[in-house]
Structure formats: C-alpha cells, structure tokens
Amino acid sequence: MGERGVAVIMAMWLLAVLAIIGTTFIFMMRLEPIIARTHRDDMKAFYIAQAGIDHAVYILKRDVGGTVDHLGEAWASGLTDQVLLDEQEYSVGSYTVTMSDESGKTDLNTAPKSQLEALDGIGPVKADAIITYRGGSYRPFETIDELMCVEGISQTIFDNNKEIITVYTDGLTNLNTAPQRVLTGIEDGPDSGLTSIEAGHIIDYRNGEDDVDGTPDDDIYDTPTLPPVGTSEPTTEVNNASYINDIETEYLTGEDASSEVVNTTKRVSVKSSGAFTIISTGKYVSPSGQETVKKLRVVVDRGKQTPAIESRIKYYKEEPGD
C-alpha cells in the first residue's frame, strides 16, 4: 500500500471520528433542554408538594387550642386535589395531603413487647430484637427508618408498618386516634396485651352508631381514668372501660377489677397531641400535558400552647411518587 492509500485510510478514520463527535454533540444539544425541562418540572412538583405541607401546618396550628385530638377534627380529613393556579388562573398542578396523629401510633422506643408483636410481620423474636436495639448497648430509635437496622426487619415489613409506627410520643397512645392495629397489644396485665377483639370494641365505641370514624355521631373519649373500684352504678366512664377491657360492666365494679384496668390506662391517654405526620403529594402538569409527581413525608411538632409558637420540623423526607 502506497503513501496515498495510507492517507486515504487516515482521512476516512478522521471523518469517522468527526462524525461521531458531531453526532454526540447534536445528541447532547437535544438532550440538554430535555434535562432542563425535567429538572424544572421536578422542582415545580416539589414546591407544589411543599405548599401542601404549609397548608397542613396551618390547619394544625388552628387546631392547637383543643384539649382532645380525635378523628372528627379538620386535620383528620386531609386535603384532596387542592388546585394551584398561575397568574392567568390556569391550573398548573395540585396537591393531596394526609395528616396523622403520632400519638395514635406504636412508639418503637416505649411500646411493650405485646404491642410490638401486634405489628405486621413482627413476632416474639423480632419484638425482642427491637427491644434489644433500643436499649442495652444501643440507643433509642431516632427515626422510624432506623427500624430496618434491626436484625430480621425487611423492607417489606417496614413498608407494611411505617404508617402506624413512630418515635415521637411520650409513651402514651391516644385512644381517640389510634387504629385497631395499634391498640392491639397494649398492656392490660403484667404479661398480656389487649386482643384484636378488645381493640375492636374500642373502635366500635369510638365510631358511634354509624360505625364510621370522623362523623358527627362519634363517641369521643374524654378521659382514660376509670372510677374507683366498687362503683355501684354504671357510668359513662365505666362503660367506656368495658370496651377497653372487653369485660362486663359488673366486673369492673368488683374487687378484682383494678389490675387490668389500671395497667391499661397507664398506657393510654386522651389529649391534644404535639407531633403529626404530614404526607403531601404534589402534581405538576406541564403545558404539553406531562405530569410530574413529588411526595414529601414530614413530621412536625405544631406547638401545644399557642398558635404563635413556631412549628418544628422533626423529620423531612422525599419519597417516591405514587
């Protein structure tokens, strides 16, 4: 092959390299605007979700003066498809928000073994592992995500329980907001907890005649404190207590009534709660109709004394959008 042939081959190689560079440059020129639009849409969806968080905090702060939190209050209904408008009053997106009372959940740092065992996928062995983790040479849980550091706790177990576990309570469960899964297992004796049936009776009483929570006929627990043993006439509080313990009203007036009742009421409370979880899902719709979704999970301490006290963020996490 002569010098001319070598030159032709080199020229072909050079053209090929230039073609590759040119193609890559054109591809990047087309890709960069797409990346920029995607980032812009992500940020807009994020701030829409943040607007939902701010709206929820406002609702919680307005409720701060109440003495008892229950599922008939405004926060319990959440916010559905709250539409945001631009300057021309065209819809640019919306947010949906749910709020839940942390004191209506199982506290990983204070719950007895019987209550931990009632969690989905947690039996005696995993309950013992949780108790070992939070004590001894370990520290108390700082966030619920830390549960996955416990031996035997999988992502699936965590996901199945994350809406009903907390680390932000004083160890007392709010009778007016806790679901049946949380009430199950609350200690009613030295070595036992409420059964699912007993917890169901609490829910039945709380829901009222229509058996639906958050409606006007709900029965709100005013106090978990029971009348002294020996009360001869059934009262509202005695009847409430019969739901807590799934025993007859007459039994509560007998001399053996105190042990289970007292142990249970040491674990429950009715109160105005401090910490709430807010889950806000923001959706941005671009001019082309493309939807972008962002989801935020935040735990706030709304301040118990006055709406003037600044709410504190205890936990903040962006989660995958549904």
Protein backbone atom coordinates (compact mmCIF):
# COMPACT_ATOMS: atom_id res chain seq x y z
CA MET A 1 0.00 0.00 0.00
CA GLY A 2 1.46 3.34 -1.04
CA GLU A 3 1.51 6.59 0.82
CA ARG A 4 -1.66 7.68 -1.00
CA GLY A 5 -3.54 4.61 0.31
CA VAL A 6 -2.44 5.27 3.86
CA ALA A 7 -3.54 8.88 3.57
CA VAL A 8 -6.98 7.80 2.31
CA ILE A 9 -7.41 5.41 5.23
CA MET A 10 -6.36 8.06 7.73
CA ALA A 11 -8.74 10.54 6.16
CA MET A 12 -11.59 8.02 6.45
CA TRP A 13 -10.76 7.41 10.09
CA LEU A 14 -10.67 11.15 10.73
CA LEU A 15 -14.04 11.60 9.05
CA ALA A 16 -15.47 8.75 11.14
CA VAL A 17 -14.20 10.34 14.36
CA LEU A 18 -15.56 13.73 13.33
CA ALA A 19 -18.91 12.12 12.50
CA ILE A 20 -19.06 10.51 15.94
CA ILE A 21 -18.16 13.79 17.64
CA GLY A 22 -20.73 15.65 15.58
CA THR A 23 -23.44 13.11 16.30
CA THR A 24 -22.67 13.20 20.03
CA PHE A 25 -22.73 16.99 20.02
CA ILE A 26 -26.11 17.05 18.27
CA PHE A 27 -27.46 14.43 20.71
CA MET A 28 -26.28 16.44 23.72
CA MET A 29 -27.75 19.62 22.25
CA ARG A 30 -31.10 17.86 22.02
CA LEU A 31 -30.75 16.19 25.43
CA GLU A 32 -29.83 19.24 27.49
CA PRO A 33 -33.18 21.02 27.02
CA ILE A 34 -34.96 17.79 27.97
CA ILE A 35 -32.85 17.53 31.14
CA ALA A 36 -33.52 21.18 31.93
CA ARG A 37 -37.29 20.76 31.44
CA THR A 38 -37.31 17.62 33.56
CA HIS A 39 -35.43 19.41 36.36
CA ARG A 40 -37.78 22.39 36.08
CA ASP A 41 -40.85 20.13 36.27
CA ASP A 42 -39.37 18.23 39.24
CA MET A 43 -38.78 21.48 41.11
CA LYS A 44 -42.29 22.74 40.40
CA ALA A 45 -43.82 19.47 41.60
CA PHE A 46 -41.62 19.62 44.71
CA TYR A 47 -42.75 23.12 45.62
CA ILE A 48 -46.37 22.22 44.97
CA ALA A 49 -45.94 19.38 47.47
CA GLN A 50 -44.28 21.83 49.86
CA ALA A 51 -47.32 24.10 49.51
CA GLY A 52 -49.38 21.15 50.73
CA ILE A 53 -47.11 20.82 53.78
CA ASP A 54 -47.52 24.52 54.58
CA HIS A 55 -51.31 24.27 54.19
CA ALA A 56 -51.41 21.28 56.54
CA VAL A 57 -49.29 23.06 59.18
CA TYR A 58 -51.72 25.99 59.02
CA ILE A 59 -54.65 23.63 59.70
CA LEU A 60 -52.82 22.00 62.61
CA LYS A 61 -51.91 25.35 64.13
CA ARG A 62 -55.54 26.48 64.00
CA ASP A 63 -56.47 23.37 66.00
CA VAL A 64 -53.84 23.92 68.68
CA GLY A 65 -56.30 25.23 71.28
CA GLY A 66 -58.28 21.99 71.58
CA THR A 67 -57.97 19.76 74.63
CA VAL A 68 -58.51 16.43 72.83
CA ASP A 69 -57.44 15.37 69.34
CA HIS A 70 -59.82 13.00 67.57
CA LEU A 71 -60.74 11.86 64.07
CA GLY A 72 -63.65 14.26 63.77
CA GLU A 73 -61.35 17.28 63.53
CA ALA A 74 -60.43 19.11 60.32
CA TRP A 75 -56.88 17.74 60.15
CA ALA A 76 -58.11 14.13 60.06
CA SER A 77 -59.93 14.69 56.75
CA GLY A 78 -56.78 15.81 54.96
CA LEU A 79 -56.77 17.81 51.73
CA THR A 80 -57.75 16.37 48.36
CA ASP A 81 -56.77 17.75 44.94
CA GLN A 82 -56.11 21.32 46.05
CA VAL A 83 -55.60 23.10 42.71
CA LEU A 84 -52.93 25.77 42.21
CA LEU A 85 -53.46 28.47 39.57
CA ASP A 86 -50.98 30.64 37.70
CA GLU A 87 -51.28 34.39 37.10
CA GLN A 88 -53.79 33.77 34.30
CA GLU A 89 -55.75 31.46 36.62
CA TYR A 90 -54.88 28.35 34.65
CA SER A 91 -54.30 25.19 36.66
CA VAL A 92 -50.62 24.29 36.94
CA GLY A 93 -50.96 21.43 39.39
CA SER A 94 -52.49 20.21 42.62
CA TYR A 95 -51.63 18.64 45.95
CA THR A 96 -53.25 16.00 48.12
CA VAL A 97 -52.40 15.79 51.82
CA THR A 98 -52.99 13.31 54.63
CA MET A 99 -52.30 14.02 58.30
CA SER A 100 -51.97 11.52 61.14
CA ASP A 101 -51.52 11.87 64.89
CA GLU A 102 -48.20 10.44 66.08
CA SER A 103 -49.70 9.62 69.48
CA GLY A 104 -52.10 7.28 67.69
CA LYS A 105 -49.20 5.08 66.62
CA THR A 106 -46.94 2.44 68.18
CA ASP A 107 -43.80 4.06 69.57
CA LEU A 108 -40.73 1.94 68.83
CA ASN A 109 -38.94 3.34 71.86
CA THR A 110 -41.61 2.77 74.51
CA ALA A 111 -44.05 0.10 73.28
CA PRO A 112 -44.15 -3.09 75.37
CA LYS A 113 -43.36 -6.41 73.73
CA SER A 114 -47.04 -7.32 73.40
CA GLN A 115 -47.72 -4.17 71.36
CA LEU A 116 -44.66 -4.67 69.14
CA GLU A 117 -45.72 -8.24 68.44
CA ALA A 118 -49.04 -6.95 67.10
CA LEU A 119 -47.26 -5.15 64.25
CA ASP A 120 -47.42 -6.80 60.84
CA GLY A 121 -44.66 -9.38 60.45
CA ILE A 122 -43.29 -8.85 63.97
CA GLY A 123 -43.44 -11.87 66.25
CA PRO A 124 -41.81 -12.54 69.61
CA VAL A 125 -38.28 -12.90 68.15
CA LYS A 126 -38.33 -9.64 66.19
CA ALA A 127 -40.04 -7.83 69.08
CA ASP A 128 -37.18 -8.91 71.35
CA ALA A 129 -34.69 -7.70 68.72
CA ILE A 130 -36.36 -4.28 68.68
CA ILE A 131 -36.25 -4.04 72.47
CA THR A 132 -32.59 -5.07 72.45
CA TYR A 133 -31.77 -2.47 69.82
CA ARG A 134 -33.40 0.42 71.67
CA GLY A 135 -31.74 -0.46 74.97
CA GLY A 136 -28.55 -2.02 76.24
CA SER A 137 -25.51 -1.02 74.20
CA TYR A 138 -27.72 0.52 71.50
CA ARG A 139 -29.55 3.84 71.52
CA PRO A 140 -33.23 4.70 71.22
CA PHE A 141 -34.61 4.93 67.70
CA GLU A 142 -34.24 8.44 66.27
CA THR A 143 -36.39 7.86 63.15
CA ILE A 144 -38.72 5.10 62.03
CA ASP A 145 -36.34 4.29 59.13
CA GLU A 146 -33.88 3.01 61.71
CA LEU A 147 -36.18 0.03 62.27
CA MET A 148 -34.60 -1.58 59.20
CA CYS A 149 -31.29 -1.70 61.11
CA VAL A 150 -32.82 -4.30 63.42
CA GLU A 151 -31.98 -7.88 62.57
CA GLY A 152 -34.80 -9.63 60.72
CA ILE A 153 -36.64 -6.46 59.66
CA SER A 154 -37.02 -6.37 55.87
CA GLN A 155 -38.10 -3.54 53.60
CA THR A 156 -41.48 -5.25 53.22
CA ILE A 157 -42.05 -5.42 56.99
CA PHE A 158 -41.08 -1.76 57.31
CA ASP A 159 -43.36 -0.66 54.46
CA ASN A 160 -46.29 -2.60 55.94
CA ASN A 161 -45.91 -0.81 59.28
CA LYS A 162 -44.49 2.64 58.58
CA GLU A 163 -47.87 4.38 58.75
CA ILE A 164 -48.54 3.13 62.30
CA ILE A 165 -45.12 3.40 63.96
CA THR A 166 -43.43 6.44 65.48
CA VAL A 167 -40.60 7.62 67.73
CA TYR A 168 -42.20 10.93 68.73
CA THR A 169 -44.56 10.21 71.64
CA ASP A 170 -44.40 10.28 75.42
CA GLY A 171 -45.22 6.58 75.54
CA LEU A 172 -49.00 7.03 75.77
CA THR A 173 -51.39 6.01 72.99
CA ASN A 174 -54.26 8.35 72.12
CA LEU A 175 -57.49 6.36 72.43
CA ASN A 176 -59.27 8.74 70.07
CA THR A 177 -56.90 8.40 67.08
CA ALA A 178 -55.17 5.02 67.32
CA PRO A 179 -56.28 2.36 64.81
CA GLN A 180 -57.11 -1.17 65.87
CA ARG A 181 -53.65 -2.46 64.89
CA VAL A 182 -52.04 -0.02 67.32
CA LEU A 183 -54.46 -0.63 70.20
CA THR A 184 -53.93 -4.38 69.89
CA GLY A 185 -51.21 -5.45 72.28
CA ILE A 186 -51.38 -2.50 74.69
CA GLU A 187 -50.60 -3.95 78.09
CA ASP A 188 -53.61 -4.92 80.18
CA GLY A 189 -51.65 -7.06 82.61
CA PRO A 190 -48.08 -7.98 83.57
CA ASP A 191 -47.68 -10.47 80.73
CA SER A 192 -50.50 -9.75 78.32
CA GLY A 193 -51.94 -7.14 75.99
CA LEU A 194 -55.31 -6.23 74.53
CA THR A 195 -56.53 -8.72 71.95
CA SER A 196 -57.63 -7.68 68.48
CA ILE A 197 -61.24 -8.22 69.56
CA GLU A 198 -60.84 -5.99 72.62
CA ALA A 199 -59.18 -3.31 70.50
CA GLY A 200 -62.06 -3.64 68.06
CA HIS A 201 -64.53 -2.82 70.82
CA ILE A 202 -62.70 0.43 71.49
CA ILE A 203 -63.03 1.31 67.79
CA ASP A 204 -66.72 0.29 67.76
CA TYR A 205 -67.47 2.57 70.71
CA ARG A 206 -65.46 5.41 69.20
CA ASN A 207 -67.16 5.21 65.78
CA GLY A 208 -70.67 5.63 67.16
CA GLU A 209 -73.85 4.19 65.70
CA ASP A 210 -72.86 4.54 62.04
CA ASP A 211 -69.61 2.61 62.67
CA VAL A 212 -67.63 5.22 60.71
CA ASP A 213 -64.90 7.36 62.23
CA GLY A 214 -64.78 11.11 61.73
CA THR A 215 -68.56 11.57 61.65
CA PRO A 216 -70.82 13.68 63.94
CA ASP A 217 -72.09 10.72 65.95
CA ASP A 218 -68.61 9.63 67.11
CA ASP A 219 -68.14 9.00 70.83
CA ILE A 220 -65.02 10.81 71.99
CA TYR A 221 -63.07 9.51 74.98
CA ASP A 222 -62.76 12.43 77.40
CA THR A 223 -60.51 10.62 79.86
CA PRO A 224 -58.93 7.17 80.20
CA THR A 225 -59.20 7.42 84.01
CA LEU A 226 -61.71 4.97 85.45
CA PRO A 227 -63.96 5.36 88.51
CA PRO A 228 -62.74 3.79 91.76
CA VAL A 229 -63.29 0.08 92.23
CA GLY A 230 -66.58 -0.51 93.97
CA THR A 231 -68.69 1.95 91.98
CA SER A 232 -72.22 0.60 92.23
CA GLU A 233 -73.91 2.50 89.41
CA PRO A 234 -72.68 2.06 85.82
CA THR A 235 -71.44 5.38 84.42
CA THR A 236 -70.25 6.53 81.02
CA GLU A 237 -66.63 6.09 82.00
CA VAL A 238 -67.27 2.59 83.36
CA ASN A 239 -68.98 1.68 80.12
CA ASN A 240 -66.03 3.12 78.20
CA ALA A 241 -63.72 0.99 80.29
CA SER A 242 -65.70 -2.13 79.48
CA TYR A 243 -64.78 -1.60 75.85
CA ILE A 244 -61.14 -1.17 76.77
CA ASN A 245 -61.06 -4.47 78.62
CA ASP A 246 -63.81 -6.43 76.83
CA ILE A 247 -65.40 -7.39 80.13
CA GLU A 248 -68.82 -6.77 81.60
CA THR A 249 -69.60 -3.52 83.41
CA GLU A 250 -70.44 -5.50 86.53
CA TYR A 251 -66.95 -6.98 86.60
CA LEU A 252 -65.45 -3.50 86.70
CA THR A 253 -67.24 -2.83 89.98
CA GLY A 254 -65.83 -5.92 91.66
CA GLU A 255 -62.81 -6.16 93.90
CA ASP A 256 -60.68 -7.80 91.16
CA ALA A 257 -61.31 -5.10 88.59
CA SER A 258 -58.37 -2.84 89.25
CA SER A 259 -55.32 -4.73 87.94
CA GLU A 260 -56.11 -4.99 84.22
CA VAL A 261 -57.84 -1.61 84.05
CA VAL A 262 -55.06 0.28 85.80
CA ASN A 263 -52.34 -1.36 83.71
CA THR A 264 -54.18 -0.49 80.51
CA THR A 265 -54.85 3.13 81.45
CA LYS A 266 -51.17 3.65 82.23
CA ARG A 267 -50.51 3.08 78.52
CA VAL A 268 -53.28 5.21 77.01
CA SER A 269 -54.25 8.85 77.02
CA VAL A 270 -56.71 11.32 75.57
CA LYS A 271 -55.07 14.61 74.78
CA SER A 272 -54.12 17.36 72.39
CA SER A 273 -51.16 15.87 70.59
CA GLY A 274 -47.97 17.63 69.58
CA ALA A 275 -46.46 15.70 66.69
CA PHE A 276 -48.20 14.87 63.42
CA THR A 277 -47.09 13.22 60.20
CA ILE A 278 -47.97 15.11 57.03
CA ILE A 279 -47.76 13.35 53.66
CA SER A 280 -48.13 15.72 50.72
CA THR A 281 -48.23 14.58 47.10
CA GLY A 282 -47.70 17.39 44.61
CA LYS A 283 -48.53 17.06 40.92
CA TYR A 284 -47.31 19.49 38.27
CA VAL A 285 -48.81 19.45 34.76
CA SER A 286 -46.63 20.97 32.03
CA PRO A 287 -48.09 22.92 29.07
CA SER A 288 -47.66 19.76 26.98
CA GLY A 289 -49.75 17.78 29.49
CA GLN A 290 -46.82 15.87 31.04
CA GLU A 291 -47.40 15.08 34.73
CA THR A 292 -44.63 15.13 37.34
CA VAL A 293 -45.29 13.91 40.88
CA LYS A 294 -43.35 14.55 44.09
CA LYS A 295 -44.18 13.15 47.53
CA LEU A 296 -42.99 14.55 50.86
CA ARG A 297 -43.26 12.98 54.32
CA VAL A 298 -42.80 15.42 57.20
CA VAL A 299 -43.25 15.11 60.96
CA VAL A 300 -43.99 18.41 62.67
CA ASP A 301 -44.38 19.41 66.30
CA ARG A 302 -47.09 22.02 65.99
CA GLY A 303 -46.54 23.52 69.46
CA LYS A 304 -49.18 22.81 72.10
CA GLN A 305 -49.60 26.11 73.93
CA THR A 306 -50.42 28.77 71.37
CA PRO A 307 -50.57 29.17 67.58
CA ALA A 308 -47.86 31.82 67.93
CA ILE A 309 -45.26 29.17 68.77
CA GLU A 310 -43.29 28.16 65.68
CA SER A 311 -43.89 24.62 64.43
CA ARG A 312 -40.76 22.48 64.47
CA ILE A 313 -39.76 20.01 61.78
CA LYS A 314 -38.74 16.70 63.34
CA TYR A 315 -38.43 14.65 60.15
CA TYR A 316 -38.36 15.53 56.45
CA LYS A 317 -38.06 13.07 53.58
CA GLU A 318 -38.83 12.97 49.88
CA GLU A 319 -40.40 9.64 48.90
CA PRO A 320 -41.07 8.06 45.51
CA GLY A 321 -44.26 9.45 43.98
CA ASP A 322 -47.15 7.03 43.57
